[in-house]
Amino acid sequence: MAKAYWISAYRSINDTDALAAYAKLAGPSLTAAGGKFLARGIPAAVKENGQQERTVLIEFENVAAALAAYNSPGYQEALVALGSNAVVRDIRIIEGV
């Protein structure tokens, strides 16, 4: 089975305190679920139609593991801490090649 990659792209951050509360819960939850943080932060460069936005890249053993991590009680608790208006982002889970 191919590895899977969770990519979070933040379009905007409206509440840094809520994001910090989320990160405090989400990081350990995703790591406990087998996630390995490969990169996070503002891009060193953006090209074509890219945006200078916070991006997070996490590796999982497979898609099922990434989806299980997202649906885990610990990560769901982190989402509650984040709330509905703290950030505008999208999360993509893709299978590696």
N, C-alpha and C. Protein backbone atom coordinates (compact mmCIF):
# COMPACT_ATOMS: atom_id res chain seq x y z
N MET A 1 0.83 -1.19 0.00
CA MET A 1 0.00 0.00 0.00
C MET A 1 0.87 1.25 0.00
N ALA A 2 0.44 2.24 -0.73
CA ALA A 2 1.20 3.49 -0.83
C ALA A 2 0.98 4.36 0.40
N LYS A 3 1.98 5.15 0.73
CA LYS A 3 1.86 6.14 1.79
C LYS A 3 0.76 7.13 1.41
N ALA A 4 0.27 7.86 2.40
CA ALA A 4 -0.72 8.90 2.16
C ALA A 4 -0.20 10.20 2.76
N TYR A 5 -0.63 11.29 2.18
CA TYR A 5 -0.18 12.61 2.61
C TYR A 5 -1.38 13.51 2.87
N TRP A 6 -1.37 14.12 4.04
CA TRP A 6 -2.40 15.05 4.48
C TRP A 6 -1.82 16.43 4.26
N ILE A 7 -2.49 17.22 3.46
CA ILE A 7 -2.03 18.56 3.15
C ILE A 7 -3.09 19.55 3.63
N SER A 8 -2.71 20.44 4.51
CA SER A 8 -3.60 21.50 4.98
C SER A 8 -3.10 22.82 4.42
N ALA A 9 -3.96 23.54 3.71
CA ALA A 9 -3.62 24.84 3.16
C ALA A 9 -4.52 25.88 3.80
N TYR A 10 -3.93 26.81 4.51
CA TYR A 10 -4.67 27.84 5.23
C TYR A 10 -4.80 29.07 4.34
N ARG A 11 -6.01 29.40 3.95
CA ARG A 11 -6.26 30.59 3.13
C ARG A 11 -6.18 31.86 3.99
N SER A 12 -6.71 31.75 5.23
CA SER A 12 -6.60 32.87 6.16
C SER A 12 -6.71 32.35 7.59
N ILE A 13 -6.12 33.10 8.50
CA ILE A 13 -6.16 32.79 9.92
C ILE A 13 -6.81 33.99 10.60
N ASN A 14 -7.99 33.76 11.20
CA ASN A 14 -8.76 34.84 11.80
C ASN A 14 -8.64 34.89 13.32
N ASP A 15 -8.23 33.79 13.94
CA ASP A 15 -8.14 33.73 15.40
C ASP A 15 -6.91 32.89 15.78
N THR A 16 -5.82 33.57 16.06
CA THR A 16 -4.57 32.86 16.35
C THR A 16 -4.64 32.09 17.67
N ASP A 17 -5.44 32.57 18.63
CA ASP A 17 -5.58 31.85 19.90
C ASP A 17 -6.28 30.52 19.69
N ALA A 18 -7.33 30.51 18.89
CA ALA A 18 -8.05 29.26 18.60
C ALA A 18 -7.15 28.31 17.81
N LEU A 19 -6.35 28.85 16.88
CA LEU A 19 -5.43 28.01 16.12
C LEU A 19 -4.39 27.38 17.05
N ALA A 20 -3.90 28.14 18.02
CA ALA A 20 -2.93 27.61 18.98
C ALA A 20 -3.55 26.51 19.83
N ALA A 21 -4.80 26.70 20.26
CA ALA A 21 -5.50 25.68 21.05
C ALA A 21 -5.69 24.41 20.23
N TYR A 22 -6.05 24.59 18.96
CA TYR A 22 -6.20 23.46 18.04
C TYR A 22 -4.87 22.71 17.89
N ALA A 23 -3.80 23.45 17.62
CA ALA A 23 -2.49 22.84 17.38
C ALA A 23 -2.00 22.05 18.59
N LYS A 24 -2.29 22.56 19.78
CA LYS A 24 -1.88 21.88 21.01
C LYS A 24 -2.52 20.50 21.12
N LEU A 25 -3.74 20.35 20.61
CA LEU A 25 -4.44 19.07 20.63
C LEU A 25 -4.20 18.25 19.37
N ALA A 26 -4.19 18.91 18.22
CA ALA A 26 -4.11 18.20 16.94
C ALA A 26 -2.75 17.53 16.74
N GLY A 27 -1.67 18.22 17.04
CA GLY A 27 -0.34 17.65 16.82
C GLY A 27 -0.16 16.31 17.50
N PRO A 28 -0.35 16.24 18.81
CA PRO A 28 -0.20 14.96 19.50
C PRO A 28 -1.20 13.90 19.03
N SER A 29 -2.41 14.32 18.70
CA SER A 29 -3.42 13.37 18.24
C SER A 29 -3.02 12.74 16.91
N LEU A 30 -2.54 13.56 15.99
CA LEU A 30 -2.15 13.05 14.67
C LEU A 30 -0.88 12.21 14.76
N THR A 31 0.04 12.61 15.60
CA THR A 31 1.26 11.82 15.80
C THR A 31 0.92 10.46 16.42
N ALA A 32 0.03 10.46 17.41
CA ALA A 32 -0.39 9.21 18.05
C ALA A 32 -1.08 8.28 17.06
N ALA A 33 -1.71 8.87 16.03
CA ALA A 33 -2.40 8.07 15.01
C ALA A 33 -1.45 7.62 13.90
N GLY A 34 -0.15 7.86 14.07
CA GLY A 34 0.83 7.41 13.09
C GLY A 34 1.29 8.47 12.12
N GLY A 35 0.82 9.70 12.28
CA GLY A 35 1.23 10.78 11.39
C GLY A 35 2.65 11.25 11.67
N LYS A 36 3.34 11.60 10.61
CA LYS A 36 4.70 12.14 10.72
C LYS A 36 4.70 13.49 10.04
N PHE A 37 4.92 14.56 10.82
CA PHE A 37 4.94 15.90 10.24
C PHE A 37 6.20 16.06 9.39
N LEU A 38 6.01 16.35 8.12
CA LEU A 38 7.13 16.52 7.20
C LEU A 38 7.47 17.98 6.98
N ALA A 39 6.45 18.84 6.99
CA ALA A 39 6.68 20.28 6.78
C ALA A 39 5.49 21.05 7.32
N ARG A 40 5.77 22.25 7.82
CA ARG A 40 4.70 23.16 8.22
C ARG A 40 5.26 24.56 8.28
N GLY A 41 4.47 25.50 7.82
CA GLY A 41 4.88 26.90 7.86
C GLY A 41 4.49 27.63 6.60
N ILE A 42 5.09 28.78 6.43
CA ILE A 42 4.86 29.63 5.26
C ILE A 42 5.84 29.18 4.16
N PRO A 43 5.38 29.07 2.92
CA PRO A 43 6.27 28.62 1.84
C PRO A 43 7.51 29.51 1.67
N ALA A 44 8.61 28.88 1.33
CA ALA A 44 9.83 29.63 1.02
C ALA A 44 9.67 30.37 -0.30
N ALA A 45 8.85 29.82 -1.18
CA ALA A 45 8.57 30.45 -2.48
C ALA A 45 7.22 29.94 -2.97
N VAL A 46 6.52 30.78 -3.70
CA VAL A 46 5.28 30.36 -4.36
C VAL A 46 5.40 30.68 -5.84
N LYS A 47 4.89 29.83 -6.67
CA LYS A 47 4.99 30.00 -8.12
C LYS A 47 3.62 29.88 -8.75
N GLU A 48 3.51 30.37 -9.96
CA GLU A 48 2.29 30.35 -10.75
C GLU A 48 1.15 30.97 -9.96
N ASN A 49 0.09 30.27 -9.67
CA ASN A 49 -1.04 30.86 -8.95
C ASN A 49 -1.01 30.53 -7.46
N GLY A 50 0.13 30.16 -6.93
CA GLY A 50 0.25 29.80 -5.52
C GLY A 50 -0.01 30.98 -4.60
N GLN A 51 -0.34 30.68 -3.37
CA GLN A 51 -0.59 31.70 -2.36
C GLN A 51 0.40 31.56 -1.22
N GLN A 52 0.80 32.67 -0.68
CA GLN A 52 1.72 32.69 0.46
C GLN A 52 0.90 32.39 1.72
N GLU A 53 0.61 31.11 1.94
CA GLU A 53 -0.26 30.70 3.04
C GLU A 53 0.38 29.57 3.83
N ARG A 54 0.02 29.51 5.10
CA ARG A 54 0.51 28.42 5.95
C ARG A 54 0.09 27.09 5.33
N THR A 55 1.03 26.16 5.28
CA THR A 55 0.78 24.84 4.73
C THR A 55 1.37 23.80 5.67
N VAL A 56 0.66 22.69 5.84
CA VAL A 56 1.12 21.60 6.69
C VAL A 56 1.09 20.32 5.87
N LEU A 57 2.15 19.53 5.95
CA LEU A 57 2.25 18.26 5.23
C LEU A 57 2.55 17.15 6.24
N ILE A 58 1.67 16.16 6.29
CA ILE A 58 1.82 15.04 7.24
C ILE A 58 1.76 13.73 6.45
N GLU A 59 2.67 12.83 6.75
CA GLU A 59 2.72 11.51 6.10
C GLU A 59 2.06 10.46 6.99
N PHE A 60 1.28 9.58 6.37
CA PHE A 60 0.67 8.44 7.05
C PHE A 60 1.01 7.17 6.27
N GLU A 61 0.87 6.04 6.92
CA GLU A 61 1.16 4.76 6.27
C GLU A 61 0.30 4.51 5.05
N ASN A 62 -0.95 4.97 5.08
CA ASN A 62 -1.87 4.78 3.94
C ASN A 62 -3.06 5.71 4.12
N VAL A 63 -3.93 5.72 3.13
CA VAL A 63 -5.11 6.59 3.16
C VAL A 63 -6.01 6.24 4.34
N ALA A 64 -6.20 4.95 4.59
CA ALA A 64 -7.07 4.53 5.70
C ALA A 64 -6.56 5.09 7.03
N ALA A 65 -5.26 5.09 7.23
CA ALA A 65 -4.69 5.62 8.47
C ALA A 65 -4.91 7.12 8.58
N ALA A 66 -4.77 7.84 7.47
CA ALA A 66 -4.99 9.29 7.48
C ALA A 66 -6.45 9.61 7.78
N LEU A 67 -7.36 8.86 7.17
CA LEU A 67 -8.79 9.08 7.43
C LEU A 67 -9.15 8.72 8.86
N ALA A 68 -8.58 7.66 9.37
CA ALA A 68 -8.83 7.28 10.76
C ALA A 68 -8.32 8.36 11.72
N ALA A 69 -7.18 8.94 11.40
CA ALA A 69 -6.64 10.02 12.23
C ALA A 69 -7.58 11.22 12.23
N TYR A 70 -8.10 11.56 11.07
CA TYR A 70 -9.03 12.69 10.98
C TYR A 70 -10.28 12.44 11.81
N ASN A 71 -10.78 11.23 11.77
CA ASN A 71 -12.02 10.87 12.46
C ASN A 71 -11.82 10.47 13.92
N SER A 72 -10.58 10.45 14.39
CA SER A 72 -10.29 10.01 15.76
C SER A 72 -10.88 11.00 16.78
N PRO A 73 -11.22 10.50 17.96
CA PRO A 73 -11.75 11.39 19.00
C PRO A 73 -10.80 12.54 19.35
N GLY A 74 -9.51 12.28 19.39
CA GLY A 74 -8.55 13.33 19.72
C GLY A 74 -8.53 14.44 18.70
N TYR A 75 -8.58 14.08 17.41
CA TYR A 75 -8.57 15.12 16.39
C TYR A 75 -9.90 15.85 16.35
N GLN A 76 -10.99 15.14 16.58
CA GLN A 76 -12.29 15.80 16.62
C GLN A 76 -12.35 16.81 17.77
N GLU A 77 -11.71 16.49 18.88
CA GLU A 77 -11.62 17.43 20.00
C GLU A 77 -10.83 18.68 19.57
N ALA A 78 -9.78 18.47 18.80
CA ALA A 78 -8.99 19.60 18.30
C ALA A 78 -9.83 20.49 17.40
N LEU A 79 -10.67 19.88 16.57
CA LEU A 79 -11.54 20.66 15.69
C LEU A 79 -12.53 21.50 16.49
N VAL A 80 -13.02 20.97 17.59
CA VAL A 80 -13.92 21.74 18.46
C VAL A 80 -13.18 22.95 19.00
N ALA A 81 -11.93 22.77 19.43
CA ALA A 81 -11.13 23.89 19.94
C ALA A 81 -10.88 24.93 18.86
N LEU A 82 -10.74 24.49 17.62
CA LEU A 82 -10.51 25.41 16.51
C LEU A 82 -11.75 26.26 16.24
N GLY A 83 -12.93 25.65 16.37
CA GLY A 83 -14.16 26.39 16.10
C GLY A 83 -14.42 26.53 14.62
N SER A 84 -15.45 27.26 14.28
CA SER A 84 -15.86 27.33 12.88
C SER A 84 -15.38 28.57 12.14
N ASN A 85 -14.87 29.57 12.86
CA ASN A 85 -14.47 30.81 12.19
C ASN A 85 -13.01 31.19 12.38
N ALA A 86 -12.24 30.34 13.01
CA ALA A 86 -10.85 30.69 13.32
C ALA A 86 -9.96 30.71 12.08
N VAL A 87 -10.22 29.79 11.15
CA VAL A 87 -9.40 29.70 9.94
C VAL A 87 -10.28 29.40 8.73
N VAL A 88 -9.75 29.74 7.58
CA VAL A 88 -10.31 29.28 6.31
C VAL A 88 -9.21 28.42 5.70
N ARG A 89 -9.49 27.14 5.51
CA ARG A 89 -8.46 26.22 5.01
C ARG A 89 -9.12 25.08 4.27
N ASP A 90 -8.31 24.33 3.58
CA ASP A 90 -8.78 23.06 3.05
C ASP A 90 -7.76 22.00 3.40
N ILE A 91 -8.28 20.80 3.60
CA ILE A 91 -7.43 19.65 3.92
C ILE A 91 -7.61 18.65 2.79
N ARG A 92 -6.51 18.16 2.28
CA ARG A 92 -6.54 17.16 1.21
C ARG A 92 -5.73 15.96 1.68
N ILE A 93 -6.27 14.78 1.45
CA ILE A 93 -5.56 13.55 1.75
C ILE A 93 -5.36 12.85 0.40
N ILE A 94 -4.09 12.66 0.05
CA ILE A 94 -3.79 12.06 -1.23
C ILE A 94 -2.89 10.84 -1.04
N GLU A 95 -3.01 9.91 -1.97
CA GLU A 95 -2.18 8.72 -1.94
C GLU A 95 -0.87 8.99 -2.66
N GLY A 96 0.21 8.51 -2.07
CA GLY A 96 1.53 8.67 -2.68
C GLY A 96 1.68 7.77 -3.90
N VAL A 97 2.72 8.01 -4.66
CA VAL A 97 2.99 7.22 -5.86
C VAL A 97 4.08 6.20 -5.61
